[in-house]
Amino acid sequence: MKILTYGEIMENGVSLFTAIAQLNGKELRVKFSGSIRVENPYKQLESYIQDLDAQLRQNKISSTVLDFTGLSYCNSNGFYVLMDIIDVIYGIVPGGVQVNRLSRDDWHQETLPVLLNLEDREICFRTSLKDCVEI
């Protein structure tokens, strides 16, 4: 797998959140891990979002896997930065999107569909949800 771009939120020298975009053949895989608890996550992830946009436009990608199983917490500010990342992906990459989420986590089950905007018919049609068990 080829790493396209890497984003990180750090506080006091400690990594709190990472977003890694990788290319596996023609499949985009984006893994989110850690937690977003800072007031302005966009400040630390702005260059990641810009680089992700550029990388997606440069590569031929046919499908996407968004893996949220490593995301343990996301505050409301983090919600908006994740929406920006997801908007870039859905806006550029054609094809299906598989979303891996935790089956026993209220945020993953209730809030993630809102974040993904699954009420939008086109997004809903392209998206499949895969419930995973936390290891």
C-alpha atoms as a PDB file:
ATOM      1  CA  MET A   1       0.000   0.000   0.000  1.00  0.00           C
ATOM      2  CA  LYS A   2       1.180   3.489  -0.819  1.00  0.00           C
ATOM      3  CA  ILE A   3       0.639   6.291   1.711  1.00  0.00           C
ATOM      4  CA  LEU A   4      -0.849   9.308  -0.052  1.00  0.00           C
ATOM      5  CA  THR A   5      -1.000  11.683   2.896  1.00  0.00           C
ATOM      6  CA  TYR A   6      -0.978  11.705   6.683  1.00  0.00           C
ATOM      7  CA  GLY A   7      -2.698  14.098   9.058  1.00  0.00           C
ATOM      8  CA  GLU A   8      -2.221  14.409  12.791  1.00  0.00           C
ATOM      9  CA  ILE A   9      -3.521  16.409  15.712  1.00  0.00           C
ATOM     10  CA  MET A  10      -0.941  16.850  18.440  1.00  0.00           C
ATOM     11  CA  GLU A  11      -1.211  18.491  21.823  1.00  0.00           C
ATOM     12  CA  ASN A  12       1.749  19.008  24.166  1.00  0.00           C
ATOM     13  CA  GLY A  13       3.898  16.742  21.986  1.00  0.00           C
ATOM     14  CA  VAL A  14       1.407  13.852  22.108  1.00  0.00           C
ATOM     15  CA  SER A  15      -0.412  12.504  19.063  1.00  0.00           C
ATOM     16  CA  LEU A  16      -4.163  12.573  19.740  1.00  0.00           C
ATOM     17  CA  PHE A  17      -5.614  11.827  16.308  1.00  0.00           C
ATOM     18  CA  THR A  18      -4.357  10.533  12.973  1.00  0.00           C
ATOM     19  CA  ALA A  19      -5.868  10.270   9.524  1.00  0.00           C
ATOM     20  CA  ILE A  20      -3.931   8.177   7.029  1.00  0.00           C
ATOM     21  CA  ALA A  21      -4.916   8.011   3.358  1.00  0.00           C
ATOM     22  CA  GLN A  22      -3.442   5.061   1.486  1.00  0.00           C
ATOM     23  CA  LEU A  23      -3.784   3.700  -2.012  1.00  0.00           C
ATOM     24  CA  ASN A  24      -4.113  -0.054  -2.476  1.00  0.00           C
ATOM     25  CA  GLY A  25      -4.205  -0.522  -6.232  1.00  0.00           C
ATOM     26  CA  LYS A  26      -7.200   1.604  -7.227  1.00  0.00           C
ATOM     27  CA  GLU A  27      -8.789   1.533  -3.775  1.00  0.00           C
ATOM     28  CA  LEU A  28      -8.490   4.490  -1.406  1.00  0.00           C
ATOM     29  CA  ARG A  29      -8.269   3.495   2.250  1.00  0.00           C
ATOM     30  CA  VAL A  30      -8.583   6.211   4.899  1.00  0.00           C
ATOM     31  CA  LYS A  31      -8.112   5.220   8.530  1.00  0.00           C
ATOM     32  CA  PHE A  32      -9.063   7.507  11.400  1.00  0.00           C
ATOM     33  CA  SER A  33      -7.704   6.758  14.872  1.00  0.00           C
ATOM     34  CA  GLY A  34      -7.434   8.382  18.271  1.00  0.00           C
ATOM     35  CA  SER A  35      -9.713  11.155  19.465  1.00  0.00           C
ATOM     36  CA  ILE A  36     -10.522  14.716  18.501  1.00  0.00           C
ATOM     37  CA  ARG A  37     -10.908  16.882  21.614  1.00  0.00           C
ATOM     38  CA  VAL A  38      -9.243  20.152  20.607  1.00  0.00           C
ATOM     39  CA  GLU A  39     -11.097  23.398  19.914  1.00  0.00           C
ATOM     40  CA  ASN A  40      -9.754  23.996  16.407  1.00  0.00           C
ATOM     41  CA  PRO A  41      -8.775  20.700  14.744  1.00  0.00           C
ATOM     42  CA  TYR A  42      -8.947  22.349  11.322  1.00  0.00           C
ATOM     43  CA  LYS A  43      -5.871  24.395  12.227  1.00  0.00           C
ATOM     44  CA  GLN A  44      -3.787  21.212  12.450  1.00  0.00           C
ATOM     45  CA  LEU A  45      -5.526  19.320   9.618  1.00  0.00           C
ATOM     46  CA  GLU A  46      -5.848  22.064   6.988  1.00  0.00           C
ATOM     47  CA  SER A  47      -2.721  20.970   5.097  1.00  0.00           C
ATOM     48  CA  TYR A  48      -3.869  17.328   5.270  1.00  0.00           C
ATOM     49  CA  ILE A  49      -7.194  18.228   3.658  1.00  0.00           C
ATOM     50  CA  GLN A  50      -5.474  20.252   0.930  1.00  0.00           C
ATOM     51  CA  ASP A  51      -2.948  17.481   0.265  1.00  0.00           C
ATOM     52  CA  LEU A  52      -5.696  14.844   0.250  1.00  0.00           C
ATOM     53  CA  ASP A  53      -7.590  16.861  -2.364  1.00  0.00           C
ATOM     54  CA  ALA A  54      -4.478  17.127  -4.558  1.00  0.00           C
ATOM     55  CA  GLN A  55      -3.557  13.438  -4.157  1.00  0.00           C
ATOM     56  CA  LEU A  56      -7.060  12.245  -5.011  1.00  0.00           C
ATOM     57  CA  ARG A  57      -7.062  14.336  -8.197  1.00  0.00           C
ATOM     58  CA  GLN A  58      -3.676  12.876  -9.254  1.00  0.00           C
ATOM     59  CA  ASN A  59      -4.566   9.196  -8.798  1.00  0.00           C
ATOM     60  CA  LYS A  60      -7.081   6.948 -10.518  1.00  0.00           C
ATOM     61  CA  ILE A  61      -9.241   5.609  -7.715  1.00  0.00           C
ATOM     62  CA  SER A  62     -12.327   3.462  -8.204  1.00  0.00           C
ATOM     63  CA  SER A  63     -13.525   2.792  -4.637  1.00  0.00           C
ATOM     64  CA  THR A  64     -13.018   3.875  -1.048  1.00  0.00           C
ATOM     65  CA  VAL A  65     -12.877   2.337   2.426  1.00  0.00           C
ATOM     66  CA  LEU A  66     -13.322   4.763   5.334  1.00  0.00           C
ATOM     67  CA  ASP A  67     -12.272   3.082   8.574  1.00  0.00           C
ATOM     68  CA  PHE A  68     -13.591   4.770  11.710  1.00  0.00           C
ATOM     69  CA  THR A  69     -13.008   1.770  14.013  1.00  0.00           C
ATOM     70  CA  GLY A  70      -9.958   3.414  15.598  1.00  0.00           C
ATOM     71  CA  LEU A  71     -11.768   6.696  16.326  1.00  0.00           C
ATOM     72  CA  SER A  72     -12.617   6.635  20.013  1.00  0.00           C
ATOM     73  CA  TYR A  73     -14.024  10.155  20.462  1.00  0.00           C
ATOM     74  CA  CYS A  74     -14.940  13.168  18.375  1.00  0.00           C
ATOM     75  CA  ASN A  75     -16.165  16.499  19.729  1.00  0.00           C
ATOM     76  CA  SER A  76     -18.415  18.819  17.721  1.00  0.00           C
ATOM     77  CA  ASN A  77     -15.438  20.728  16.289  1.00  0.00           C
ATOM     78  CA  GLY A  78     -13.951  17.446  15.112  1.00  0.00           C
ATOM     79  CA  PHE A  79     -17.261  16.577  13.515  1.00  0.00           C
ATOM     80  CA  TYR A  80     -16.886  19.529  11.137  1.00  0.00           C
ATOM     81  CA  VAL A  81     -13.297  18.726  10.154  1.00  0.00           C
ATOM     82  CA  LEU A  82     -14.288  15.106   9.459  1.00  0.00           C
ATOM     83  CA  MET A  83     -17.135  16.404   7.308  1.00  0.00           C
ATOM     84  CA  ASP A  84     -14.605  18.426   5.296  1.00  0.00           C
ATOM     85  CA  ILE A  85     -12.444  15.334   4.758  1.00  0.00           C
ATOM     86  CA  ILE A  86     -15.446  13.238   3.743  1.00  0.00           C
ATOM     87  CA  ASP A  87     -16.723  15.958   1.378  1.00  0.00           C
ATOM     88  CA  VAL A  88     -13.359  15.973  -0.416  1.00  0.00           C
ATOM     89  CA  ILE A  89     -13.454  12.191  -0.820  1.00  0.00           C
ATOM     90  CA  TYR A  90     -17.061  11.939  -2.013  1.00  0.00           C
ATOM     91  CA  GLY A  91     -16.586  14.949  -4.290  1.00  0.00           C
ATOM     92  CA  ILE A  92     -13.549  13.550  -6.103  1.00  0.00           C
ATOM     93  CA  VAL A  93     -13.547   9.753  -5.885  1.00  0.00           C
ATOM     94  CA  PRO A  94     -16.215   7.925  -7.886  1.00  0.00           C
ATOM     95  CA  GLY A  95     -17.544   4.513  -6.974  1.00  0.00           C
ATOM     96  CA  GLY A  96     -18.627   2.813  -3.815  1.00  0.00           C
ATOM     97  CA  VAL A  97     -17.628   3.765  -0.298  1.00  0.00           C
ATOM     98  CA  GLN A  98     -17.431   1.163   2.445  1.00  0.00           C
ATOM     99  CA  VAL A  99     -17.576   2.615   5.947  1.00  0.00           C
ATOM    100  CA  ASN A 100     -16.159   0.487   8.740  1.00  0.00           C
ATOM    101  CA  ARG A 101     -17.637   1.396  12.110  1.00  0.00           C
ATOM    102  CA  LEU A 102     -17.949  -0.138  15.569  1.00  0.00           C
ATOM    103  CA  SER A 103     -21.131  -2.102  16.176  1.00  0.00           C
ATOM    104  CA  ARG A 104     -21.267  -1.363  19.916  1.00  0.00           C
ATOM    105  CA  ASP A 105     -20.531   2.346  19.948  1.00  0.00           C
ATOM    106  CA  ASP A 106     -23.373   4.871  20.086  1.00  0.00           C
ATOM    107  CA  TRP A 107     -21.364   7.563  18.281  1.00  0.00           C
ATOM    108  CA  HIS A 108     -20.492   5.194  15.441  1.00  0.00           C
ATOM    109  CA  GLN A 109     -24.062   3.932  15.145  1.00  0.00           C
ATOM    110  CA  GLU A 110     -26.024   7.173  15.592  1.00  0.00           C
ATOM    111  CA  THR A 111     -23.771  10.101  14.704  1.00  0.00           C
ATOM    112  CA  LEU A 112     -21.644   8.638  11.926  1.00  0.00           C
ATOM    113  CA  PRO A 113     -24.626   8.296   9.518  1.00  0.00           C
ATOM    114  CA  VAL A 114     -25.370  11.999  10.112  1.00  0.00           C
ATOM    115  CA  LEU A 115     -21.722  12.906   9.518  1.00  0.00           C
ATOM    116  CA  LEU A 116     -21.760  10.953   6.261  1.00  0.00           C
ATOM    117  CA  ASN A 117     -25.007  12.666   5.246  1.00  0.00           C
ATOM    118  CA  LEU A 118     -26.707   9.363   4.428  1.00  0.00           C
ATOM    119  CA  GLU A 119     -30.002  11.199   3.946  1.00  0.00           C
ATOM    120  CA  ASP A 120     -28.561  12.438   0.651  1.00  0.00           C
ATOM    121  CA  ARG A 121     -29.806   9.923  -1.912  1.00  0.00           C
ATOM    122  CA  GLU A 122     -26.617   9.868  -3.992  1.00  0.00           C
ATOM    123  CA  ILE A 123     -24.379   9.408  -0.956  1.00  0.00           C
ATOM    124  CA  CYS A 124     -26.639   6.716   0.484  1.00  0.00           C
ATOM    125  CA  PHE A 125     -26.607   4.833  -2.831  1.00  0.00           C
ATOM    126  CA  ARG A 126     -22.790   4.825  -2.923  1.00  0.00           C
ATOM    127  CA  THR A 127     -22.256   3.937   0.755  1.00  0.00           C
ATOM    128  CA  SER A 128     -22.258   0.613   2.550  1.00  0.00           C
ATOM    129  CA  LEU A 129     -21.846   0.353   6.312  1.00  0.00           C
ATOM    130  CA  LYS A 130     -19.828  -2.498   7.772  1.00  0.00           C
ATOM    131  CA  ASP A 131     -20.279  -3.049  11.485  1.00  0.00           C
ATOM    132  CA  CYS A 132     -17.114  -4.297  13.183  1.00  0.00           C
ATOM    133  CA  VAL A 133     -16.486  -5.648  16.662  1.00  0.00           C
ATOM    134  CA  GLU A 134     -13.888  -3.829  18.736  1.00  0.00           C
ATOM    135  CA  ILE A 135     -10.864  -5.996  19.407  1.00  0.00           C
END
